[in-house]
Amino acid sequence: MKKILIAFVAILTLLCGCQANKNTNSTDYGDAISKAQEITVISPDTAEVIETITDAKEIEDFVSALNVDQWELKTLPDEASKIGTFGLAQEKTIKLGQTDTDGTLYDVATITLYDGSYIGIKIYGLDDLDIIFAVSEDTANYLNGYFK
């Protein structure tokens, strides 16, 4: 399980144009998620976008409310049902020789909220890596507020 967690941190870090190092810890999830430039709130029933968050302060508040330092790697219970999904998008990282991006946002990950205080994180482009975490009740309640 530790290998999966370490691989996940490294993948998130690489997706954000950063390099993983030996000091990587759970707060790096928040660092990676905070690089999102757009978060879409998606209804579980209709797959319709309920809300789009693009304001940097709102994204910062969202990441802060996730309390990533309290996440625990878990298995999703069979009876858990999907409450809703958050889609994270950002511009491609500027590479050596480039001066600017074209402004296009690309889907990089989704966070799916399940009842029972569980979330699933799916990273695109890496064989659709999907990992389940148990989160605090406060975090689950905060995220659930987007779907009421």
N, C-alpha and C. Protein backbone atom coordinates (compact mmCIF):
# COMPACT_ATOMS: atom_id res chain seq x y z
N MET A 1 0.81 -1.20 0.00
CA MET A 1 0.00 0.00 0.00
C MET A 1 0.85 1.26 0.00
N LYS A 2 1.97 1.22 0.72
CA LYS A 2 2.84 2.38 0.75
C LYS A 2 3.39 2.68 -0.63
N LYS A 3 3.67 1.61 -1.39
CA LYS A 3 4.19 1.79 -2.74
C LYS A 3 3.17 2.51 -3.61
N ILE A 4 1.89 2.16 -3.47
CA ILE A 4 0.83 2.81 -4.25
C ILE A 4 0.75 4.28 -3.87
N LEU A 5 0.78 4.57 -2.58
CA LEU A 5 0.70 5.95 -2.11
C LEU A 5 1.89 6.77 -2.61
N ILE A 6 3.08 6.20 -2.55
CA ILE A 6 4.27 6.91 -3.01
C ILE A 6 4.19 7.14 -4.51
N ALA A 7 3.73 6.13 -5.26
CA ALA A 7 3.59 6.27 -6.71
C ALA A 7 2.58 7.36 -7.04
N PHE A 8 1.49 7.42 -6.30
CA PHE A 8 0.46 8.42 -6.54
C PHE A 8 1.00 9.84 -6.32
N VAL A 9 1.74 10.03 -5.24
CA VAL A 9 2.32 11.35 -4.96
C VAL A 9 3.27 11.74 -6.08
N ALA A 10 4.10 10.80 -6.51
CA ALA A 10 5.06 11.09 -7.58
C ALA A 10 4.34 11.45 -8.87
N ILE A 11 3.28 10.74 -9.19
CA ILE A 11 2.52 11.00 -10.42
C ILE A 11 1.87 12.37 -10.37
N LEU A 12 1.23 12.68 -9.25
CA LEU A 12 0.60 14.01 -9.12
C LEU A 12 1.65 15.11 -9.26
N THR A 13 2.78 14.91 -8.65
CA THR A 13 3.84 15.92 -8.73
C THR A 13 4.33 16.09 -10.16
N LEU A 14 4.52 14.98 -10.87
CA LEU A 14 4.98 15.05 -12.25
C LEU A 14 3.94 15.69 -13.15
N LEU A 15 2.66 15.42 -12.91
CA LEU A 15 1.61 16.03 -13.73
C LEU A 15 1.60 17.55 -13.59
N CYS A 16 2.05 18.01 -12.49
CA CYS A 16 2.02 19.46 -12.25
C CYS A 16 3.33 20.13 -12.65
N GLY A 17 4.16 19.41 -13.34
CA GLY A 17 5.41 20.01 -13.82
C GLY A 17 6.47 20.15 -12.76
N CYS A 18 6.28 19.44 -11.67
CA CYS A 18 7.26 19.51 -10.59
C CYS A 18 8.01 18.19 -10.55
N GLN A 19 9.07 18.13 -9.75
CA GLN A 19 9.79 16.89 -9.57
C GLN A 19 9.59 16.41 -8.15
N ALA A 20 9.32 15.08 -8.01
CA ALA A 20 9.17 14.50 -6.69
C ALA A 20 10.54 14.43 -6.03
N ASN A 21 10.54 14.58 -4.73
CA ASN A 21 11.81 14.43 -4.01
C ASN A 21 11.58 13.61 -2.76
N LYS A 22 12.63 13.35 -2.01
CA LYS A 22 12.51 12.48 -0.84
C LYS A 22 11.67 13.09 0.27
N ASN A 23 11.34 14.36 0.20
CA ASN A 23 10.54 15.01 1.23
C ASN A 23 9.06 15.04 0.90
N THR A 24 8.62 14.30 -0.12
CA THR A 24 7.22 14.27 -0.52
C THR A 24 6.38 13.69 0.60
N ASN A 25 5.25 14.36 0.91
CA ASN A 25 4.33 13.84 1.92
C ASN A 25 2.90 14.15 1.50
N SER A 26 1.92 13.86 2.37
CA SER A 26 0.52 14.00 1.99
C SER A 26 0.12 15.42 1.64
N THR A 27 0.82 16.42 2.14
CA THR A 27 0.47 17.80 1.79
C THR A 27 0.76 18.09 0.33
N ASP A 28 1.56 17.25 -0.32
CA ASP A 28 1.83 17.43 -1.74
C ASP A 28 0.57 17.23 -2.58
N TYR A 29 -0.40 16.45 -2.09
CA TYR A 29 -1.67 16.32 -2.80
C TYR A 29 -2.32 17.69 -2.93
N GLY A 30 -2.36 18.41 -1.83
CA GLY A 30 -2.94 19.74 -1.84
C GLY A 30 -2.18 20.67 -2.74
N ASP A 31 -0.86 20.56 -2.74
CA ASP A 31 -0.04 21.39 -3.62
C ASP A 31 -0.37 21.11 -5.08
N ALA A 32 -0.50 19.83 -5.41
CA ALA A 32 -0.81 19.45 -6.79
C ALA A 32 -2.22 19.90 -7.18
N ILE A 33 -3.18 19.67 -6.32
CA ILE A 33 -4.56 20.05 -6.61
C ILE A 33 -4.69 21.57 -6.71
N SER A 34 -3.92 22.29 -5.91
CA SER A 34 -4.02 23.75 -5.93
C SER A 34 -3.53 24.36 -7.24
N LYS A 35 -2.82 23.59 -8.04
CA LYS A 35 -2.36 24.08 -9.33
C LYS A 35 -3.48 24.06 -10.37
N ALA A 36 -4.61 23.46 -10.02
CA ALA A 36 -5.76 23.46 -10.93
C ALA A 36 -6.18 24.90 -11.19
N GLN A 37 -6.54 25.18 -12.42
CA GLN A 37 -6.99 26.53 -12.78
C GLN A 37 -8.49 26.58 -12.94
N GLU A 38 -9.11 25.39 -12.94
CA GLU A 38 -10.57 25.31 -13.03
C GLU A 38 -11.01 24.03 -12.34
N ILE A 39 -12.06 24.14 -11.53
CA ILE A 39 -12.67 22.98 -10.91
C ILE A 39 -14.14 23.00 -11.29
N THR A 40 -14.60 21.93 -11.94
CA THR A 40 -16.01 21.83 -12.30
C THR A 40 -16.69 20.88 -11.33
N VAL A 41 -17.88 21.27 -10.90
CA VAL A 41 -18.69 20.46 -10.01
C VAL A 41 -19.72 19.76 -10.89
N ILE A 42 -19.70 18.42 -10.90
CA ILE A 42 -20.50 17.65 -11.85
C ILE A 42 -21.52 16.79 -11.10
N SER A 43 -22.79 16.90 -11.51
CA SER A 43 -23.88 16.13 -10.91
C SER A 43 -23.70 14.65 -11.20
N PRO A 44 -23.97 13.79 -10.20
CA PRO A 44 -23.83 12.36 -10.44
C PRO A 44 -24.96 11.78 -11.30
N ASP A 45 -26.11 12.44 -11.29
CA ASP A 45 -27.28 11.92 -11.99
C ASP A 45 -27.28 12.25 -13.48
N THR A 46 -26.88 13.48 -13.80
CA THR A 46 -27.01 13.94 -15.18
C THR A 46 -25.67 14.22 -15.86
N ALA A 47 -24.59 14.16 -15.13
CA ALA A 47 -23.26 14.51 -15.62
C ALA A 47 -23.21 15.97 -16.08
N GLU A 48 -24.16 16.76 -15.61
CA GLU A 48 -24.24 18.18 -15.93
C GLU A 48 -23.34 18.97 -14.99
N VAL A 49 -22.68 20.00 -15.53
CA VAL A 49 -21.84 20.86 -14.70
C VAL A 49 -22.75 21.77 -13.87
N ILE A 50 -22.65 21.64 -12.56
CA ILE A 50 -23.47 22.43 -11.64
C ILE A 50 -22.83 23.79 -11.41
N GLU A 51 -21.51 23.79 -11.31
CA GLU A 51 -20.76 25.01 -10.99
C GLU A 51 -19.35 24.89 -11.54
N THR A 52 -18.76 26.03 -11.88
CA THR A 52 -17.37 26.05 -12.32
C THR A 52 -16.63 27.05 -11.45
N ILE A 53 -15.55 26.58 -10.84
CA ILE A 53 -14.74 27.41 -9.95
C ILE A 53 -13.46 27.77 -10.70
N THR A 54 -13.24 29.08 -10.90
CA THR A 54 -12.02 29.53 -11.59
C THR A 54 -11.26 30.58 -10.78
N ASP A 55 -11.89 31.15 -9.78
CA ASP A 55 -11.26 32.17 -8.96
C ASP A 55 -10.15 31.53 -8.11
N ALA A 56 -8.96 32.09 -8.15
CA ALA A 56 -7.80 31.53 -7.45
C ALA A 56 -8.06 31.40 -5.95
N LYS A 57 -8.73 32.37 -5.34
CA LYS A 57 -9.02 32.31 -3.90
C LYS A 57 -10.00 31.18 -3.60
N GLU A 58 -11.01 30.98 -4.46
CA GLU A 58 -11.96 29.89 -4.25
C GLU A 58 -11.29 28.53 -4.40
N ILE A 59 -10.37 28.42 -5.35
CA ILE A 59 -9.63 27.17 -5.53
C ILE A 59 -8.76 26.92 -4.30
N GLU A 60 -8.13 27.98 -3.81
CA GLU A 60 -7.31 27.87 -2.59
C GLU A 60 -8.15 27.41 -1.40
N ASP A 61 -9.35 27.98 -1.25
CA ASP A 61 -10.26 27.59 -0.17
C ASP A 61 -10.69 26.13 -0.32
N PHE A 62 -10.96 25.71 -1.56
CA PHE A 62 -11.35 24.33 -1.85
C PHE A 62 -10.24 23.38 -1.41
N VAL A 63 -9.02 23.67 -1.82
CA VAL A 63 -7.87 22.82 -1.48
C VAL A 63 -7.67 22.78 0.03
N SER A 64 -7.79 23.91 0.67
CA SER A 64 -7.62 23.98 2.12
C SER A 64 -8.66 23.11 2.84
N ALA A 65 -9.90 23.13 2.36
CA ALA A 65 -10.98 22.36 2.98
C ALA A 65 -10.82 20.86 2.78
N LEU A 66 -10.00 20.45 1.82
CA LEU A 66 -9.78 19.02 1.58
C LEU A 66 -9.02 18.35 2.73
N ASN A 67 -8.26 19.12 3.49
CA ASN A 67 -7.49 18.57 4.62
C ASN A 67 -6.71 17.32 4.21
N VAL A 68 -5.91 17.44 3.16
CA VAL A 68 -5.22 16.27 2.60
C VAL A 68 -4.30 15.57 3.59
N ASP A 69 -3.85 16.26 4.60
CA ASP A 69 -2.97 15.62 5.58
C ASP A 69 -3.71 14.59 6.42
N GLN A 70 -5.05 14.56 6.32
CA GLN A 70 -5.85 13.60 7.08
C GLN A 70 -6.37 12.44 6.21
N TRP A 71 -6.04 12.43 4.93
CA TRP A 71 -6.50 11.35 4.05
C TRP A 71 -5.86 10.03 4.43
N GLU A 72 -6.64 8.95 4.31
CA GLU A 72 -6.13 7.61 4.56
C GLU A 72 -6.47 6.72 3.37
N LEU A 73 -5.49 6.03 2.84
CA LEU A 73 -5.69 5.11 1.73
C LEU A 73 -6.61 3.99 2.20
N LYS A 74 -7.72 3.76 1.48
CA LYS A 74 -8.71 2.75 1.88
C LYS A 74 -9.27 2.05 0.66
N THR A 75 -10.13 1.08 0.90
CA THR A 75 -10.89 0.40 -0.14
C THR A 75 -12.32 0.89 -0.04
N LEU A 76 -12.93 1.19 -1.17
CA LEU A 76 -14.30 1.69 -1.18
C LEU A 76 -15.26 0.56 -0.81
N PRO A 77 -16.10 0.77 0.20
CA PRO A 77 -17.09 -0.26 0.56
C PRO A 77 -18.07 -0.51 -0.60
N ASP A 78 -18.53 -1.73 -0.72
CA ASP A 78 -19.45 -2.10 -1.80
C ASP A 78 -20.73 -1.28 -1.79
N GLU A 79 -21.19 -0.91 -0.61
CA GLU A 79 -22.45 -0.18 -0.50
C GLU A 79 -22.32 1.34 -0.70
N ALA A 80 -21.12 1.84 -0.87
CA ALA A 80 -20.91 3.28 -1.05
C ALA A 80 -21.49 3.75 -2.38
N SER A 81 -22.23 4.84 -2.33
CA SER A 81 -22.80 5.39 -3.56
C SER A 81 -22.17 6.74 -3.88
N LYS A 82 -22.14 7.06 -5.16
CA LYS A 82 -21.51 8.29 -5.65
C LYS A 82 -22.41 9.49 -5.34
N ILE A 83 -21.81 10.53 -4.77
CA ILE A 83 -22.53 11.76 -4.48
C ILE A 83 -22.32 12.78 -5.59
N GLY A 84 -21.11 12.87 -6.12
CA GLY A 84 -20.81 13.82 -7.19
C GLY A 84 -19.33 13.82 -7.50
N THR A 85 -18.96 14.57 -8.53
CA THR A 85 -17.59 14.58 -9.01
C THR A 85 -17.09 16.00 -9.22
N PHE A 86 -15.81 16.20 -8.99
CA PHE A 86 -15.12 17.45 -9.26
C PHE A 86 -14.09 17.19 -10.34
N GLY A 87 -14.14 17.93 -11.43
CA GLY A 87 -13.16 17.81 -12.50
C GLY A 87 -12.12 18.90 -12.37
N LEU A 88 -10.85 18.53 -12.40
CA LEU A 88 -9.76 19.49 -12.29
C LEU A 88 -9.08 19.66 -13.64
N ALA A 89 -8.87 20.90 -14.03
CA ALA A 89 -8.23 21.19 -15.31
C ALA A 89 -7.18 22.28 -15.12
N GLN A 90 -6.18 22.23 -15.98
CA GLN A 90 -5.14 23.25 -15.96
C GLN A 90 -4.49 23.33 -17.33
N GLU A 91 -3.76 24.41 -17.56
CA GLU A 91 -3.00 24.56 -18.80
C GLU A 91 -1.81 23.62 -18.76
N LYS A 92 -1.30 23.29 -19.94
CA LYS A 92 -0.08 22.49 -20.00
C LYS A 92 1.07 23.31 -19.42
N THR A 93 2.04 22.61 -18.86
CA THR A 93 3.22 23.26 -18.30
C THR A 93 4.06 23.85 -19.43
N ILE A 94 4.53 25.07 -19.22
CA ILE A 94 5.41 25.70 -20.20
C ILE A 94 6.74 24.96 -20.19
N LYS A 95 7.18 24.55 -21.36
CA LYS A 95 8.42 23.79 -21.49
C LYS A 95 9.55 24.71 -21.95
N LEU A 96 10.75 24.22 -21.84
CA LEU A 96 11.92 24.97 -22.24
C LEU A 96 11.76 25.44 -23.68
N GLY A 97 11.97 26.71 -23.92
CA GLY A 97 11.85 27.28 -25.26
C GLY A 97 10.49 27.91 -25.53
N GLN A 98 9.50 27.61 -24.68
CA GLN A 98 8.17 28.21 -24.84
C GLN A 98 8.10 29.47 -24.00
N THR A 99 7.34 30.43 -24.48
CA THR A 99 7.18 31.66 -23.71
C THR A 99 5.80 31.78 -23.09
N ASP A 100 4.82 31.05 -23.64
CA ASP A 100 3.46 31.15 -23.13
C ASP A 100 2.66 29.94 -23.59
N THR A 101 1.55 29.68 -22.91
CA THR A 101 0.65 28.61 -23.34
C THR A 101 -0.45 29.24 -24.18
N ASP A 102 -1.27 28.38 -24.80
CA ASP A 102 -2.35 28.90 -25.64
C ASP A 102 -3.63 29.17 -24.85
N GLY A 103 -3.60 28.95 -23.55
CA GLY A 103 -4.77 29.22 -22.71
C GLY A 103 -5.76 28.08 -22.63
N THR A 104 -5.51 26.99 -23.34
CA THR A 104 -6.40 25.85 -23.32
C THR A 104 -6.23 25.08 -22.01
N LEU A 105 -7.36 24.75 -21.37
CA LEU A 105 -7.33 23.96 -20.14
C LEU A 105 -7.54 22.49 -20.50
N TYR A 106 -6.79 21.62 -19.85
CA TYR A 106 -6.87 20.19 -20.08
C TYR A 106 -7.27 19.49 -18.79
N ASP A 107 -8.16 18.49 -18.91
CA ASP A 107 -8.55 17.71 -17.75
C ASP A 107 -7.34 16.93 -17.27
N VAL A 108 -7.05 17.04 -15.98
CA VAL A 108 -5.91 16.32 -15.42
C VAL A 108 -6.32 15.30 -14.37
N ALA A 109 -7.46 15.52 -13.72
CA ALA A 109 -7.88 14.60 -12.66
C ALA A 109 -9.34 14.82 -12.31
N THR A 110 -9.92 13.84 -11.63
CA THR A 110 -11.25 14.01 -11.05
C THR A 110 -11.20 13.55 -9.60
N ILE A 111 -12.00 14.19 -8.80
CA ILE A 111 -12.20 13.77 -7.41
C ILE A 111 -13.67 13.40 -7.31
N THR A 112 -13.95 12.15 -6.95
CA THR A 112 -15.32 11.69 -6.82
C THR A 112 -15.63 11.51 -5.35
N LEU A 113 -16.74 12.10 -4.90
CA LEU A 113 -17.17 11.99 -3.52
C LEU A 113 -18.18 10.86 -3.39
N TYR A 114 -17.95 10.00 -2.41
CA TYR A 114 -18.86 8.89 -2.12
C TYR A 114 -19.40 9.07 -0.71
N ASP A 115 -20.60 8.51 -0.46
CA ASP A 115 -21.12 8.60 0.91
C ASP A 115 -20.22 7.78 1.82
N GLY A 116 -20.28 8.07 3.10
CA GLY A 116 -19.42 7.41 4.06
C GLY A 116 -18.05 8.05 4.18
N SER A 117 -17.90 9.27 3.68
CA SER A 117 -16.65 10.03 3.79
C SER A 117 -15.49 9.40 3.03
N TYR A 118 -15.76 9.02 1.77
CA TYR A 118 -14.73 8.48 0.89
C TYR A 118 -14.63 9.35 -0.36
N ILE A 119 -13.41 9.45 -0.89
CA ILE A 119 -13.22 10.09 -2.18
C ILE A 119 -12.36 9.19 -3.06
N GLY A 120 -12.59 9.31 -4.35
CA GLY A 120 -11.74 8.62 -5.31
C GLY A 120 -11.03 9.67 -6.14
N ILE A 121 -9.76 9.48 -6.38
CA ILE A 121 -9.01 10.42 -7.22
C ILE A 121 -8.54 9.65 -8.44
N LYS A 122 -8.89 10.17 -9.61
CA LYS A 122 -8.51 9.55 -10.87
C LYS A 122 -7.60 10.50 -11.62
N ILE A 123 -6.43 10.01 -11.99
CA ILE A 123 -5.45 10.79 -12.72
C ILE A 123 -5.48 10.35 -14.18
N TYR A 124 -5.68 11.28 -15.09
CA TYR A 124 -5.75 10.96 -16.51
C TYR A 124 -4.36 10.85 -17.13
N GLY A 125 -4.27 10.01 -18.14
CA GLY A 125 -3.03 9.88 -18.88
C GLY A 125 -2.07 8.87 -18.32
N LEU A 126 -2.36 8.32 -17.18
CA LEU A 126 -1.50 7.32 -16.57
C LEU A 126 -2.30 6.05 -16.34
N ASP A 127 -2.82 5.50 -17.42
CA ASP A 127 -3.69 4.33 -17.36
C ASP A 127 -4.87 4.58 -16.42
N ASP A 128 -5.30 5.84 -16.39
CA ASP A 128 -6.42 6.25 -15.55
C ASP A 128 -6.30 5.73 -14.12
N LEU A 129 -5.18 6.07 -13.48
CA LEU A 129 -4.92 5.70 -12.10
C LEU A 129 -6.07 6.18 -11.22
N ASP A 130 -6.62 5.29 -10.41
CA ASP A 130 -7.77 5.61 -9.58
C ASP A 130 -7.50 5.09 -8.17
N ILE A 131 -7.49 5.99 -7.18
CA ILE A 131 -7.18 5.61 -5.80
C ILE A 131 -8.29 6.12 -4.88
N ILE A 132 -8.62 5.34 -3.86
CA ILE A 132 -9.68 5.67 -2.90
C ILE A 132 -9.05 6.08 -1.57
N PHE A 133 -9.60 7.14 -0.97
CA PHE A 133 -9.17 7.59 0.34
C PHE A 133 -10.38 7.80 1.24
N ALA A 134 -10.20 7.55 2.53
CA ALA A 134 -11.17 7.97 3.53
C ALA A 134 -10.77 9.38 3.93
N VAL A 135 -11.77 10.26 4.07
CA VAL A 135 -11.50 11.65 4.45
C VAL A 135 -12.26 11.97 5.72
N SER A 136 -11.92 13.09 6.33
CA SER A 136 -12.60 13.48 7.56
C SER A 136 -14.05 13.82 7.27
N GLU A 137 -14.86 13.76 8.29
CA GLU A 137 -16.27 14.10 8.16
C GLU A 137 -16.44 15.57 7.74
N ASP A 138 -15.58 16.45 8.25
CA ASP A 138 -15.63 17.87 7.87
C ASP A 138 -15.37 18.04 6.37
N THR A 139 -14.38 17.33 5.85
CA THR A 139 -14.07 17.40 4.43
C THR A 139 -15.24 16.88 3.60
N ALA A 140 -15.79 15.73 4.00
CA ALA A 140 -16.93 15.15 3.28
C ALA A 140 -18.13 16.10 3.30
N ASN A 141 -18.39 16.72 4.43
CA ASN A 141 -19.52 17.66 4.53
C ASN A 141 -19.29 18.88 3.64
N TYR A 142 -18.07 19.38 3.62
CA TYR A 142 -17.74 20.53 2.76
C TYR A 142 -17.99 20.19 1.30
N LEU A 143 -17.45 19.07 0.85
CA LEU A 143 -17.62 18.67 -0.54
C LEU A 143 -19.07 18.38 -0.87
N ASN A 144 -19.77 17.76 0.05
CA ASN A 144 -21.19 17.44 -0.13
C ASN A 144 -22.03 18.71 -0.32
N GLY A 145 -21.59 19.81 0.27
CA GLY A 145 -22.30 21.08 0.14
C GLY A 145 -22.43 21.57 -1.30
N TYR A 146 -21.55 21.16 -2.17
CA TYR A 146 -21.63 21.54 -3.58
C TYR A 146 -22.76 20.84 -4.32
N PHE A 147 -23.30 19.77 -3.74
CA PHE A 147 -24.30 18.98 -4.43
C PHE A 147 -25.70 19.13 -3.84
N LYS A 148 -25.87 20.07 -2.94
CA LYS A 148 -27.21 20.29 -2.33
C LYS A 148 -27.91 21.44 -2.99
